[in-house]
């Protein structure tokens, strides 16, 4: 078996399974207490991965917010923030996005073979661009990350990334937070899209934890025999 990091998928969704609404402004699906929990999880990871669409739509910083947690990472001999990783087929990403400009941490861009040259011209000054195959092969991405010392990978979206990691059987854990409202708009992005998933009616995923966090609920699912309950 090709080595890969322990891979944790993290997602917030509405009761009806949407990651956002159809408005331009980002929809907040969680609360302060859960944002702090996510920050704590980030601080335990070696890398955080989001899809290119998430960078374009949400312009995330992907940093550990707590100064105490950053200091604890440094005390363990780690960088203050996890490595930032994105995956793209078209490389239509703005080099001025906060993914690249915020935080003293390395950034990796895995792209389709045919776009590597243009990707290096566009992003080479702000990130390391890596050939991920054509089409992009997530097994190749995770093997390369393992080779770079990434032992624990957190995937924070969006729906395309969640779908691809799940259908490829590359996820060990899912942390799914459910917000107490409905979106009710089919134009909005969903948690996952169509695909052949390893868990269905004939093979149910293992629910490892249920936790109320103020007005949201965290559901933790064990998706492989590598699941870490800590």
C-alpha atoms as a PDB file:
ATOM      1  CA  UNK A   1       0.000   0.000   0.000  1.00  0.00           C
ATOM      2  CA  UNK A   2       1.297   3.472  -0.927  1.00  0.00           C
ATOM      3  CA  UNK A   3       1.893   5.524   2.244  1.00  0.00           C
ATOM      4  CA  UNK A   4      -0.471   8.433   2.778  1.00  0.00           C
ATOM      5  CA  UNK A   5      -1.263  10.801   5.647  1.00  0.00           C
ATOM      6  CA  UNK A   6      -4.040  10.191   8.118  1.00  0.00           C
ATOM      7  CA  UNK A   7      -6.779  12.161   6.358  1.00  0.00           C
ATOM      8  CA  UNK A   8      -9.537  13.982   8.203  1.00  0.00           C
ATOM      9  CA  UNK A   9     -12.406  15.648   6.328  1.00  0.00           C
ATOM     10  CA  UNK A  10     -13.935  18.650   8.115  1.00  0.00           C
ATOM     11  CA  UNK A  11     -17.213  20.203   7.006  1.00  0.00           C
ATOM     12  CA  UNK A  12     -20.109  22.329   8.206  1.00  0.00           C
ATOM     13  CA  UNK A  13     -23.491  22.021   6.504  1.00  0.00           C
ATOM     14  CA  UNK A  14     -27.123  23.021   6.887  1.00  0.00           C
ATOM     15  CA  UNK A  15     -29.786  20.546   7.992  1.00  0.00           C
ATOM     16  CA  UNK A  16     -30.561  19.950   4.303  1.00  0.00           C
ATOM     17  CA  UNK A  17     -26.937  19.295   3.371  1.00  0.00           C
ATOM     18  CA  UNK A  18     -25.721  22.593   1.884  1.00  0.00           C
ATOM     19  CA  UNK A  19     -22.256  24.095   2.391  1.00  0.00           C
ATOM     20  CA  UNK A  20     -23.404  27.613   1.535  1.00  0.00           C
ATOM     21  CA  UNK A  21     -26.302  29.499   0.039  1.00  0.00           C
ATOM     22  CA  UNK A  22     -26.452  31.097  -3.411  1.00  0.00           C
ATOM     23  CA  UNK A  23     -25.590  34.607  -2.183  1.00  0.00           C
ATOM     24  CA  UNK A  24     -22.176  36.182  -2.742  1.00  0.00           C
ATOM     25  CA  UNK A  25     -21.389  36.580   0.950  1.00  0.00           C
ATOM     26  CA  UNK A  26     -20.143  33.461   2.728  1.00  0.00           C
ATOM     27  CA  UNK A  27     -22.801  31.737   4.833  1.00  0.00           C
ATOM     28  CA  UNK A  28     -21.664  31.059   8.410  1.00  0.00           C
ATOM     29  CA  UNK A  29     -22.737  27.548   9.329  1.00  0.00           C
ATOM     30  CA  UNK A  30     -21.118  27.321  12.748  1.00  0.00           C
ATOM     31  CA  UNK A  31     -20.598  29.319  15.950  1.00  0.00           C
ATOM     32  CA  UNK A  32     -17.670  30.686  17.950  1.00  0.00           C
ATOM     33  CA  UNK A  33     -17.302  27.575  20.096  1.00  0.00           C
ATOM     34  CA  UNK A  34     -17.113  25.316  17.066  1.00  0.00           C
ATOM     35  CA  UNK A  35     -14.744  27.654  15.211  1.00  0.00           C
ATOM     36  CA  UNK A  36     -12.447  27.285  18.233  1.00  0.00           C
ATOM     37  CA  UNK A  37     -12.774  23.478  18.050  1.00  0.00           C
ATOM     38  CA  UNK A  38     -11.808  23.557  14.367  1.00  0.00           C
ATOM     39  CA  UNK A  39      -8.829  25.750  15.256  1.00  0.00           C
ATOM     40  CA  UNK A  40      -7.743  23.150  17.801  1.00  0.00           C
ATOM     41  CA  UNK A  41      -8.003  20.394  15.187  1.00  0.00           C
ATOM     42  CA  UNK A  42      -6.012  22.480  12.695  1.00  0.00           C
ATOM     43  CA  UNK A  43      -3.254  22.891  15.249  1.00  0.00           C
ATOM     44  CA  UNK A  44      -2.792  19.093  15.384  1.00  0.00           C
ATOM     45  CA  UNK A  45      -2.373  18.718  11.602  1.00  0.00           C
ATOM     46  CA  UNK A  46       0.687  18.933   9.379  1.00  0.00           C
ATOM     47  CA  UNK A  47      -1.227  20.258   6.357  1.00  0.00           C
ATOM     48  CA  UNK A  48      -4.599  21.759   5.440  1.00  0.00           C
ATOM     49  CA  UNK A  49      -6.044  21.156   1.974  1.00  0.00           C
ATOM     50  CA  UNK A  50      -8.807  23.004   0.133  1.00  0.00           C
ATOM     51  CA  UNK A  51      -9.881  22.931  -3.488  1.00  0.00           C
ATOM     52  CA  UNK A  52      -9.166  25.813  -5.838  1.00  0.00           C
ATOM     53  CA  UNK A  53     -12.872  26.705  -5.926  1.00  0.00           C
ATOM     54  CA  UNK A  54     -12.806  27.306  -2.158  1.00  0.00           C
ATOM     55  CA  UNK A  55      -9.877  29.703  -2.585  1.00  0.00           C
ATOM     56  CA  UNK A  56     -11.750  31.585  -5.315  1.00  0.00           C
ATOM     57  CA  UNK A  57     -15.062  31.737  -3.447  1.00  0.00           C
ATOM     58  CA  UNK A  58     -14.080  32.097   0.224  1.00  0.00           C
ATOM     59  CA  UNK A  59     -10.504  33.466   0.127  1.00  0.00           C
ATOM     60  CA  UNK A  60      -9.597  31.539   3.319  1.00  0.00           C
ATOM     61  CA  UNK A  61      -6.505  32.231   5.441  1.00  0.00           C
ATOM     62  CA  UNK A  62      -6.172  28.618   6.701  1.00  0.00           C
ATOM     63  CA  UNK A  63      -4.096  29.546   9.730  1.00  0.00           C
ATOM     64  CA  UNK A  64      -4.165  28.518  13.391  1.00  0.00           C
ATOM     65  CA  UNK A  65      -5.856  31.468  15.079  1.00  0.00           C
ATOM     66  CA  UNK A  66      -4.849  30.842  18.688  1.00  0.00           C
ATOM     67  CA  UNK A  67      -1.472  32.281  19.676  1.00  0.00           C
ATOM     68  CA  UNK A  68      -1.213  29.633  22.409  1.00  0.00           C
ATOM     69  CA  UNK A  69      -1.743  26.813  19.917  1.00  0.00           C
ATOM     70  CA  UNK A  70       0.809  28.292  17.524  1.00  0.00           C
ATOM     71  CA  UNK A  71       3.294  28.539  20.386  1.00  0.00           C
ATOM     72  CA  UNK A  72       2.606  24.918  21.332  1.00  0.00           C
ATOM     73  CA  UNK A  73       3.357  23.850  17.755  1.00  0.00           C
ATOM     74  CA  UNK A  74       6.654  25.736  17.822  1.00  0.00           C
ATOM     75  CA  UNK A  75       7.513  24.117  21.159  1.00  0.00           C
ATOM     76  CA  UNK A  76       6.991  20.718  19.494  1.00  0.00           C
ATOM     77  CA  UNK A  77       9.461  21.688  16.792  1.00  0.00           C
ATOM     78  CA  UNK A  78       6.787  22.409  14.173  1.00  0.00           C
ATOM     79  CA  UNK A  79       5.992  25.498  12.110  1.00  0.00           C
ATOM     80  CA  UNK A  80       3.432  27.827  13.759  1.00  0.00           C
ATOM     81  CA  UNK A  81       0.874  26.909  11.071  1.00  0.00           C
ATOM     82  CA  UNK A  82       0.259  23.771   9.007  1.00  0.00           C
ATOM     83  CA  UNK A  83       1.355  23.562   5.388  1.00  0.00           C
ATOM     84  CA  UNK A  84      -1.267  24.965   2.961  1.00  0.00           C
ATOM     85  CA  UNK A  85      -2.270  22.716   0.053  1.00  0.00           C
ATOM     86  CA  UNK A  86      -4.623  23.125  -2.884  1.00  0.00           C
ATOM     87  CA  UNK A  87      -5.578  20.983  -5.868  1.00  0.00           C
ATOM     88  CA  UNK A  88      -6.565  22.399  -9.237  1.00  0.00           C
ATOM     89  CA  UNK A  89      -7.240  21.214 -12.772  1.00  0.00           C
ATOM     90  CA  UNK A  90      -7.275  24.644 -14.471  1.00  0.00           C
ATOM     91  CA  UNK A  91      -5.001  26.663 -12.154  1.00  0.00           C
ATOM     92  CA  UNK A  92      -7.418  29.583 -12.276  1.00  0.00           C
ATOM     93  CA  UNK A  93      -6.254  30.944  -8.913  1.00  0.00           C
ATOM     94  CA  UNK A  94      -5.323  34.497  -8.009  1.00  0.00           C
ATOM     95  CA  UNK A  95      -1.747  34.689  -6.648  1.00  0.00           C
ATOM     96  CA  UNK A  96      -2.944  37.576  -4.451  1.00  0.00           C
ATOM     97  CA  UNK A  97      -5.416  35.297  -2.606  1.00  0.00           C
ATOM     98  CA  UNK A  98      -4.895  35.066   1.157  1.00  0.00           C
ATOM     99  CA  UNK A  99      -4.053  31.372   0.748  1.00  0.00           C
ATOM    100  CA  UNK A 100      -0.730  32.583  -0.704  1.00  0.00           C
ATOM    101  CA  UNK A 101      -0.157  35.960   0.935  1.00  0.00           C
ATOM    102  CA  UNK A 102      -1.066  35.365   4.593  1.00  0.00           C
ATOM    103  CA  UNK A 103       1.045  33.301   6.954  1.00  0.00           C
ATOM    104  CA  UNK A 104       4.725  32.362   6.990  1.00  0.00           C
ATOM    105  CA  UNK A 105       4.202  28.799   5.835  1.00  0.00           C
ATOM    106  CA  UNK A 106       4.878  26.824   2.665  1.00  0.00           C
ATOM    107  CA  UNK A 107       2.122  26.572   0.060  1.00  0.00           C
ATOM    108  CA  UNK A 108       1.756  23.628  -2.338  1.00  0.00           C
ATOM    109  CA  UNK A 109      -0.329  23.650  -5.534  1.00  0.00           C
ATOM    110  CA  UNK A 110      -1.034  20.257  -7.116  1.00  0.00           C
ATOM    111  CA  UNK A 111      -2.190  20.703 -10.688  1.00  0.00           C
ATOM    112  CA  UNK A 112      -3.021  18.695 -13.786  1.00  0.00           C
ATOM    113  CA  UNK A 113       0.004  17.843 -15.929  1.00  0.00           C
ATOM    114  CA  UNK A 114      -1.132  19.969 -18.839  1.00  0.00           C
ATOM    115  CA  UNK A 115      -1.341  23.122 -16.745  1.00  0.00           C
ATOM    116  CA  UNK A 116       1.957  22.795 -14.838  1.00  0.00           C
ATOM    117  CA  UNK A 117       3.909  25.174 -17.046  1.00  0.00           C
ATOM    118  CA  UNK A 118       1.306  27.936 -16.907  1.00  0.00           C
ATOM    119  CA  UNK A 119       0.771  27.261 -13.190  1.00  0.00           C
ATOM    120  CA  UNK A 120       4.470  27.789 -12.469  1.00  0.00           C
ATOM    121  CA  UNK A 121       4.437  31.009 -14.465  1.00  0.00           C
ATOM    122  CA  UNK A 122       1.378  32.234 -12.572  1.00  0.00           C
ATOM    123  CA  UNK A 123       2.085  30.942  -9.047  1.00  0.00           C
ATOM    124  CA  UNK A 124       5.751  29.961  -8.934  1.00  0.00           C
ATOM    125  CA  UNK A 125       6.704  33.075  -6.954  1.00  0.00           C
ATOM    126  CA  UNK A 126       4.207  32.331  -4.160  1.00  0.00           C
ATOM    127  CA  UNK A 127       3.957  28.519  -4.063  1.00  0.00           C
ATOM    128  CA  UNK A 128       5.531  25.229  -5.058  1.00  0.00           C
ATOM    129  CA  UNK A 129       3.688  23.802  -8.082  1.00  0.00           C
ATOM    130  CA  UNK A 130       3.597  19.995  -8.377  1.00  0.00           C
ATOM    131  CA  UNK A 131       2.454  17.769 -11.239  1.00  0.00           C
ATOM    132  CA  UNK A 132      -0.462  15.642  -9.970  1.00  0.00           C
ATOM    133  CA  UNK A 133      -1.213  13.717 -13.164  1.00  0.00           C
ATOM    134  CA  UNK A 134      -3.799  14.147 -15.886  1.00  0.00           C
ATOM    135  CA  UNK A 135      -6.457  14.074 -14.634  1.00  0.00           C
ATOM    136  CA  UNK A 136      -5.364  15.015 -11.122  1.00  0.00           C
ATOM    137  CA  UNK A 137      -4.811  11.850  -9.075  1.00  0.00           C
ATOM    138  CA  UNK A 138      -5.468  12.318  -5.355  1.00  0.00           C
ATOM    139  CA  UNK A 139      -3.573   9.119  -4.531  1.00  0.00           C
ATOM    140  CA  UNK A 140      -0.540  10.728  -6.142  1.00  0.00           C
ATOM    141  CA  UNK A 141      -1.165  13.920  -4.161  1.00  0.00           C
ATOM    142  CA  UNK A 142      -1.426  12.146  -0.802  1.00  0.00           C
ATOM    143  CA  UNK A 143       1.620   9.968  -1.517  1.00  0.00           C
ATOM    144  CA  UNK A 144       3.641  13.080  -2.350  1.00  0.00           C
ATOM    145  CA  UNK A 145       2.464  14.775   0.849  1.00  0.00           C
ATOM    146  CA  UNK A 146       3.523  11.729   2.863  1.00  0.00           C
ATOM    147  CA  UNK A 147       6.922  11.944   1.204  1.00  0.00           C
ATOM    148  CA  UNK A 148       7.168  15.552   2.387  1.00  0.00           C
ATOM    149  CA  UNK A 149       6.603  14.504   5.996  1.00  0.00           C
ATOM    150  CA  UNK A 150       2.851  15.158   6.244  1.00  0.00           C
ATOM    151  CA  UNK A 151       1.475  12.628   8.693  1.00  0.00           C
ATOM    152  CA  UNK A 152      -1.914  14.238   9.363  1.00  0.00           C
ATOM    153  CA  UNK A 153      -3.907  16.006   6.638  1.00  0.00           C
ATOM    154  CA  UNK A 154      -7.065  18.060   7.185  1.00  0.00           C
ATOM    155  CA  UNK A 155      -9.341  18.551   4.161  1.00  0.00           C
ATOM    156  CA  UNK A 156     -11.607  21.573   4.615  1.00  0.00           C
ATOM    157  CA  UNK A 157     -13.535  21.489   1.354  1.00  0.00           C
ATOM    158  CA  UNK A 158     -15.239  22.229  -0.758  1.00  0.00           C
ATOM    159  CA  UNK A 159     -17.791  19.704  -1.951  1.00  0.00           C
ATOM    160  CA  UNK A 160     -15.698  18.561  -4.915  1.00  0.00           C
ATOM    161  CA  UNK A 161     -12.746  17.767  -2.674  1.00  0.00           C
ATOM    162  CA  UNK A 162     -14.925  15.963  -0.127  1.00  0.00           C
ATOM    163  CA  UNK A 163     -16.515  13.920  -2.914  1.00  0.00           C
ATOM    164  CA  UNK A 164     -13.183  12.989  -4.478  1.00  0.00           C
ATOM    165  CA  UNK A 165     -11.491  11.993  -1.221  1.00  0.00           C
ATOM    166  CA  UNK A 166     -14.490   9.924  -0.144  1.00  0.00           C
ATOM    167  CA  UNK A 167     -15.062   8.148  -3.452  1.00  0.00           C
ATOM    168  CA  UNK A 168     -11.320   7.418  -3.770  1.00  0.00           C
ATOM    169  CA  UNK A 169     -11.326   5.768  -0.326  1.00  0.00           C
ATOM    170  CA  UNK A 170      -8.677   8.209   0.917  1.00  0.00           C
ATOM    171  CA  UNK A 171     -10.502   9.492   4.025  1.00  0.00           C
ATOM    172  CA  UNK A 172      -9.962   8.063   7.508  1.00  0.00           C
ATOM    173  CA  UNK A 173     -12.313  10.347   9.421  1.00  0.00           C
ATOM    174  CA  UNK A 174     -15.201  12.729   8.774  1.00  0.00           C
ATOM    175  CA  UNK A 175     -16.043  15.559  11.166  1.00  0.00           C
ATOM    176  CA  UNK A 176     -19.425  16.873  10.081  1.00  0.00           C
ATOM    177  CA  UNK A 177     -21.069  19.826  11.831  1.00  0.00           C
ATOM    178  CA  UNK A 178     -24.788  20.371  11.251  1.00  0.00           C
ATOM    179  CA  UNK A 179     -26.144  23.915  11.574  1.00  0.00           C
ATOM    180  CA  UNK A 180     -29.698  24.416  12.911  1.00  0.00           C
ATOM    181  CA  UNK A 181     -31.278  25.794   9.739  1.00  0.00           C
ATOM    182  CA  UNK A 182     -32.201  24.998   6.145  1.00  0.00           C
ATOM    183  CA  UNK A 183     -30.867  26.612   2.958  1.00  0.00           C
ATOM    184  CA  UNK A 184     -33.510  25.258   0.596  1.00  0.00           C
ATOM    185  CA  UNK A 185     -31.887  26.423  -2.644  1.00  0.00           C
ATOM    186  CA  UNK A 186     -30.739  23.882  -5.239  1.00  0.00           C
ATOM    187  CA  UNK A 187     -28.373  26.487  -6.729  1.00  0.00           C
ATOM    188  CA  UNK A 188     -26.247  26.310  -3.580  1.00  0.00           C
ATOM    189  CA  UNK A 189     -23.296  23.889  -3.209  1.00  0.00           C
ATOM    190  CA  UNK A 190     -23.891  20.637  -1.384  1.00  0.00           C
ATOM    191  CA  UNK A 191     -21.652  18.692   0.988  1.00  0.00           C
ATOM    192  CA  UNK A 192     -20.966  16.089  -1.715  1.00  0.00           C
ATOM    193  CA  UNK A 193     -21.996  15.559  -5.328  1.00  0.00           C
ATOM    194  CA  UNK A 194     -22.830  12.351  -7.200  1.00  0.00           C
ATOM    195  CA  UNK A 195     -20.341   9.524  -6.876  1.00  0.00           C
ATOM    196  CA  UNK A 196     -19.704   5.912  -5.929  1.00  0.00           C
ATOM    197  CA  UNK A 197     -19.052   6.137  -2.208  1.00  0.00           C
ATOM    198  CA  UNK A 198     -17.538   3.358  -0.080  1.00  0.00           C
ATOM    199  CA  UNK A 199     -20.389   3.666   2.407  1.00  0.00           C
ATOM    200  CA  UNK A 200     -24.001   3.031   1.434  1.00  0.00           C
ATOM    201  CA  UNK A 201     -27.046   1.100   2.668  1.00  0.00           C
ATOM    202  CA  UNK A 202     -25.089  -2.149   2.528  1.00  0.00           C
ATOM    203  CA  UNK A 203     -22.062  -0.775   4.347  1.00  0.00           C
ATOM    204  CA  UNK A 204     -22.795   1.779   7.021  1.00  0.00           C
ATOM    205  CA  UNK A 205     -20.109   4.150   8.283  1.00  0.00           C
ATOM    206  CA  UNK A 206     -19.245   3.935  11.978  1.00  0.00           C
ATOM    207  CA  UNK A 207     -20.544   6.847  14.053  1.00  0.00           C
ATOM    208  CA  UNK A 208     -17.761   7.428  16.582  1.00  0.00           C
ATOM    209  CA  UNK A 209     -18.992  10.532  18.400  1.00  0.00           C
ATOM    210  CA  UNK A 210     -21.972  12.882  18.697  1.00  0.00           C
ATOM    211  CA  UNK A 211     -21.402  16.196  20.473  1.00  0.00           C
ATOM    212  CA  UNK A 212     -23.592  19.258  20.916  1.00  0.00           C
ATOM    213  CA  UNK A 213     -21.605  22.495  20.615  1.00  0.00           C
ATOM    214  CA  UNK A 214     -23.991  25.275  21.571  1.00  0.00           C
ATOM    215  CA  UNK A 215     -26.547  25.278  18.727  1.00  0.00           C
ATOM    216  CA  UNK A 216     -24.701  22.963  16.304  1.00  0.00           C
ATOM    217  CA  UNK A 217     -24.034  19.220  16.408  1.00  0.00           C
ATOM    218  CA  UNK A 218     -20.718  17.522  15.619  1.00  0.00           C
ATOM    219  CA  UNK A 219     -20.882  14.050  14.093  1.00  0.00           C
ATOM    220  CA  UNK A 220     -17.594  12.133  13.883  1.00  0.00           C
ATOM    221  CA  UNK A 221     -17.449   9.129  11.574  1.00  0.00           C
ATOM    222  CA  UNK A 222     -14.709   6.510  11.437  1.00  0.00           C
ATOM    223  CA  UNK A 223     -14.087   5.803   7.752  1.00  0.00           C
ATOM    224  CA  UNK A 224     -11.136   3.425   7.967  1.00  0.00           C
ATOM    225  CA  UNK A 225      -9.406   1.071  10.357  1.00  0.00           C
ATOM    226  CA  UNK A 226      -6.844   3.846  10.905  1.00  0.00           C
ATOM    227  CA  UNK A 227      -9.444   6.012  12.692  1.00  0.00           C
ATOM    228  CA  UNK A 228      -7.927   7.907  15.615  1.00  0.00           C
ATOM    229  CA  UNK A 229     -10.509   8.488  18.355  1.00  0.00           C
ATOM    230  CA  UNK A 230      -8.319  11.021  20.206  1.00  0.00           C
END
